[in-house]
C-alpha atoms as a PDB file:
ATOM      1  CA  MET A   1      -3.414  18.133   7.482  1.00  0.00           C
ATOM      2  CA  SER A   2      -2.372  19.624   4.319  1.00  0.00           C
ATOM      3  CA  THR A   3      -3.486  18.372   0.788  1.00  0.00           C
ATOM      4  CA  ARG A   4       0.083  17.320   0.128  1.00  0.00           C
ATOM      5  CA  GLN A   5       0.100  15.018   3.177  1.00  0.00           C
ATOM      6  CA  LYS A   6      -3.313  13.574   2.412  1.00  0.00           C
ATOM      7  CA  LEU A   7      -2.104  12.753  -1.017  1.00  0.00           C
ATOM      8  CA  PHE A   8       1.112  11.096   0.339  1.00  0.00           C
ATOM      9  CA  ILE A   9      -1.298   8.996   2.592  1.00  0.00           C
ATOM     10  CA  PHE A  10      -3.525   8.053  -0.165  1.00  0.00           C
ATOM     11  CA  VAL A  11      -0.540   7.036  -2.429  1.00  0.00           C
ATOM     12  CA  GLY A  12       0.872   4.902   0.418  1.00  0.00           C
ATOM     13  CA  ILE A  13      -2.401   3.162   1.089  1.00  0.00           C
ATOM     14  CA  MET A  14      -2.861   2.436  -2.564  1.00  0.00           C
ATOM     15  CA  LEU A  15       0.834   1.040  -2.703  1.00  0.00           C
ATOM     16  CA  LEU A  16      -0.023  -1.140   0.161  1.00  0.00           C
ATOM     17  CA  VAL A  17      -3.205  -2.353  -1.541  1.00  0.00           C
ATOM     18  CA  SER A  18      -1.530  -3.153  -4.846  1.00  0.00           C
ATOM     19  CA  VAL A  19       1.232  -5.100  -2.914  1.00  0.00           C
ATOM     20  CA  SER A  20      -1.083  -7.310  -1.301  1.00  0.00           C
ATOM     21  CA  ILE A  21      -3.122  -7.906  -4.749  1.00  0.00           C
ATOM     22  CA  ALA A  22       0.298  -8.677  -6.387  1.00  0.00           C
ATOM     23  CA  ASN A  23       1.234 -11.143  -3.785  1.00  0.00           C
ATOM     24  CA  GLY A  24      -1.919 -13.040  -4.414  1.00  0.00           C
ATOM     25  CA  ASP A  25      -3.788 -13.775  -1.242  1.00  0.00           C
ATOM     26  CA  SER A  26      -6.193 -15.746  -3.290  1.00  0.00           C
ATOM     27  CA  PHE A  27      -6.164 -17.786  -6.405  1.00  0.00           C
ATOM     28  CA  ARG A  28      -9.082 -18.522  -8.804  1.00  0.00           C
ATOM     29  CA  CYS A  29      -9.229 -22.055 -10.532  1.00  0.00           C
ATOM     30  CA  GLY A  30     -12.297 -22.463 -12.565  1.00  0.00           C
ATOM     31  CA  ASN A  31     -15.314 -20.824 -10.592  1.00  0.00           C
ATOM     32  CA  ARG A  32     -13.777 -21.584  -7.247  1.00  0.00           C
ATOM     33  CA  VAL A  33     -11.281 -19.532  -5.078  1.00  0.00           C
ATOM     34  CA  VAL A  34      -8.508 -20.780  -2.680  1.00  0.00           C
ATOM     35  CA  SER A  35      -7.032 -18.206  -0.134  1.00  0.00           C
ATOM     36  CA  THR A  36      -4.239 -18.354   2.286  1.00  0.00           C
ATOM     37  CA  GLY A  37      -5.285 -20.356   5.387  1.00  0.00           C
ATOM     38  CA  ASP A  38      -6.952 -23.101   3.353  1.00  0.00           C
ATOM     39  CA  SER A  39      -5.764 -26.688   3.918  1.00  0.00           C
ATOM     40  CA  LYS A  40      -3.998 -28.692   1.250  1.00  0.00           C
ATOM     41  CA  MET A  41      -7.317 -31.003   0.941  1.00  0.00           C
ATOM     42  CA  GLU A  42      -9.450 -27.787   0.273  1.00  0.00           C
ATOM     43  CA  VAL A  43      -6.828 -26.572  -2.492  1.00  0.00           C
ATOM     44  CA  ILE A  44      -6.997 -29.833  -4.203  1.00  0.00           C
ATOM     45  CA  SER A  45     -10.733 -30.495  -3.918  1.00  0.00           C
ATOM     46  CA  LYS A  46     -11.277 -26.833  -5.377  1.00  0.00           C
ATOM     47  CA  CYS A  47      -8.530 -26.887  -8.049  1.00  0.00           C
ATOM     48  CA  GLY A  48      -7.899 -30.385  -8.792  1.00  0.00           C
ATOM     49  CA  PRO A  49      -4.545 -31.986  -8.798  1.00  0.00           C
ATOM     50  CA  PRO A  50      -1.517 -29.763  -9.402  1.00  0.00           C
ATOM     51  CA  ASP A  51       0.375 -29.837 -12.571  1.00  0.00           C
ATOM     52  CA  ASP A  52       3.632 -30.495 -10.571  1.00  0.00           C
ATOM     53  CA  SER A  53       4.517 -30.405  -6.658  1.00  0.00           C
ATOM     54  CA  GLU A  54       7.541 -30.877  -4.606  1.00  0.00           C
ATOM     55  CA  THR A  55       8.376 -30.984  -0.911  1.00  0.00           C
ATOM     56  CA  ILE A  56      10.969 -28.301  -0.578  1.00  0.00           C
ATOM     57  CA  SER A  57      11.989 -28.560   2.972  1.00  0.00           C
ATOM     58  CA  TYR A  58      11.035 -29.231   6.596  1.00  0.00           C
ATOM     59  CA  ASP A  59      10.590 -26.187   8.939  1.00  0.00           C
ATOM     60  CA  THR A  60      11.903 -27.148  12.222  1.00  0.00           C
ATOM     61  CA  LYS A  61      11.615 -24.971  15.395  1.00  0.00           C
ATOM     62  CA  GLY A  62      12.449 -25.827  18.895  1.00  0.00           C
ATOM     63  CA  SER A  63      13.038 -24.665  22.446  1.00  0.00           C
ATOM     64  CA  VAL A  64      14.787 -25.921  25.456  1.00  0.00           C
ATOM     65  CA  SER A  65      12.956 -25.666  28.872  1.00  0.00           C
ATOM     66  CA  THR A  66      14.950 -24.752  31.922  1.00  0.00           C
ATOM     67  CA  GLY A  67      14.960 -28.609  32.916  1.00  0.00           C
ATOM     68  CA  GLY A  68      16.988 -29.461  29.853  1.00  0.00           C
ATOM     69  CA  SER A  69      14.168 -30.828  27.829  1.00  0.00           C
ATOM     70  CA  VAL A  70      14.042 -30.162  23.998  1.00  0.00           C
ATOM     71  CA  ASP A  71      10.768 -29.395  22.236  1.00  0.00           C
ATOM     72  CA  LEU A  72      11.068 -29.808  18.413  1.00  0.00           C
ATOM     73  CA  ARG A  73       8.303 -29.125  16.033  1.00  0.00           C
ATOM     74  CA  THR A  74       8.771 -29.959  12.306  1.00  0.00           C
ATOM     75  CA  ARG A  75       6.380 -28.844   9.607  1.00  0.00           C
ATOM     76  CA  LYS A  76       6.607 -29.978   5.893  1.00  0.00           C
ATOM     77  CA  VAL A  77       6.906 -27.109   3.182  1.00  0.00           C
ATOM     78  CA  ASP A  78       5.385 -28.017  -0.043  1.00  0.00           C
ATOM     79  CA  LYS A  79       4.873 -26.215  -3.337  1.00  0.00           C
ATOM     80  CA  LEU A  80       2.044 -26.932  -5.626  1.00  0.00           C
ATOM     81  CA  TYR A  81       2.239 -25.715  -9.246  1.00  0.00           C
ATOM     82  CA  TYR A  82      -0.644 -24.832 -11.364  1.00  0.00           C
ATOM     83  CA  ASN A  83      -0.022 -24.086 -15.082  1.00  0.00           C
ATOM     84  CA  CYS A  84      -2.584 -21.538 -16.189  1.00  0.00           C
ATOM     85  CA  GLY A  85      -1.794 -21.708 -19.894  1.00  0.00           C
ATOM     86  CA  ASP A  86      -0.122 -19.916 -22.699  1.00  0.00           C
ATOM     87  CA  GLY A  87       0.941 -16.379 -21.983  1.00  0.00           C
ATOM     88  CA  ARG A  88      -0.417 -16.704 -18.317  1.00  0.00           C
ATOM     89  CA  PHE A  89       1.685 -17.147 -15.175  1.00  0.00           C
ATOM     90  CA  ILE A  90       2.132 -20.488 -13.442  1.00  0.00           C
ATOM     91  CA  ARG A  91       0.774 -20.076  -9.983  1.00  0.00           C
ATOM     92  CA  VAL A  92       2.986 -21.326  -7.265  1.00  0.00           C
ATOM     93  CA  LEU A  93       1.204 -22.210  -3.932  1.00  0.00           C
ATOM     94  CA  THR A  94       3.154 -22.646  -0.731  1.00  0.00           C
ATOM     95  CA  LEU A  95       1.969 -24.789   2.025  1.00  0.00           C
ATOM     96  CA  ILE A  96       3.445 -25.131   5.557  1.00  0.00           C
ATOM     97  CA  GLY A  97       2.232 -27.929   7.720  1.00  0.00           C
ATOM     98  CA  GLY A  98      -0.654 -28.491   5.236  1.00  0.00           C
ATOM     99  CA  LYS A  99      -1.815 -24.937   5.352  1.00  0.00           C
ATOM    100  CA  LEU A 100      -1.690 -22.489   2.247  1.00  0.00           C
ATOM    101  CA  VAL A 101       0.531 -19.570   3.457  1.00  0.00           C
ATOM    102  CA  ARG A 102       1.583 -18.026  -0.068  1.00  0.00           C
ATOM    103  CA  ILE A 103       0.380 -17.630  -3.611  1.00  0.00           C
ATOM    104  CA  GLU A 104       2.920 -16.425  -6.095  1.00  0.00           C
ATOM    105  CA  ASN A 105       3.313 -16.033  -9.928  1.00  0.00           C
ATOM    106  CA  GLY A 106       5.925 -18.386 -11.509  1.00  0.00           C
ATOM    107  CA  GLY A 107       7.290 -18.201 -15.091  1.00  0.00           C
ATOM    108  CA  TYR A 108       4.816 -18.200 -17.926  1.00  0.00           C
ATOM    109  CA  GLY A 109       2.739 -21.392 -18.561  1.00  0.00           C
ATOM    110  CA  SER A 110       1.948 -23.159 -21.711  1.00  0.00           C
ATOM    111  CA  GLY A 111      -1.053 -24.924 -23.230  1.00  0.00           C
ATOM    112  CA  PRO A 112      -4.719 -24.401 -22.901  1.00  0.00           C
ATOM    113  CA  THR A 113      -6.027 -21.672 -20.444  1.00  0.00           C
ATOM    114  CA  LYS A 114      -6.917 -23.348 -17.072  1.00  0.00           C
ATOM    115  CA  CYS A 115      -7.050 -20.764 -14.508  1.00  0.00           C
ATOM    116  CA  GLU A 116      -9.698 -17.808 -14.473  1.00  0.00           C
END
């Protein structure tokens, strides 16, 4: 393998790592950390109540068996918003079926710094 190929592989790996960090697989609130896969109860017990929250949709999936019966599953999709303070991003936590699946940056927050 040439040096150039090794360099391209290294740059590719670094890009993948930076994307996963930017997407935020975890969120620090105070001295505690929540991560994707945590339950809504774990998030609230570690970070306290969110500054705002909303139910944005219901994720419904289903299937039809050969006998004609229908199996539907509906999971609630919630967003929790944590305002991290002046000059810092609002953290948007998406939960599906009560499990944390995504942590993203929202707009800039206001007020005192609350997230570490």
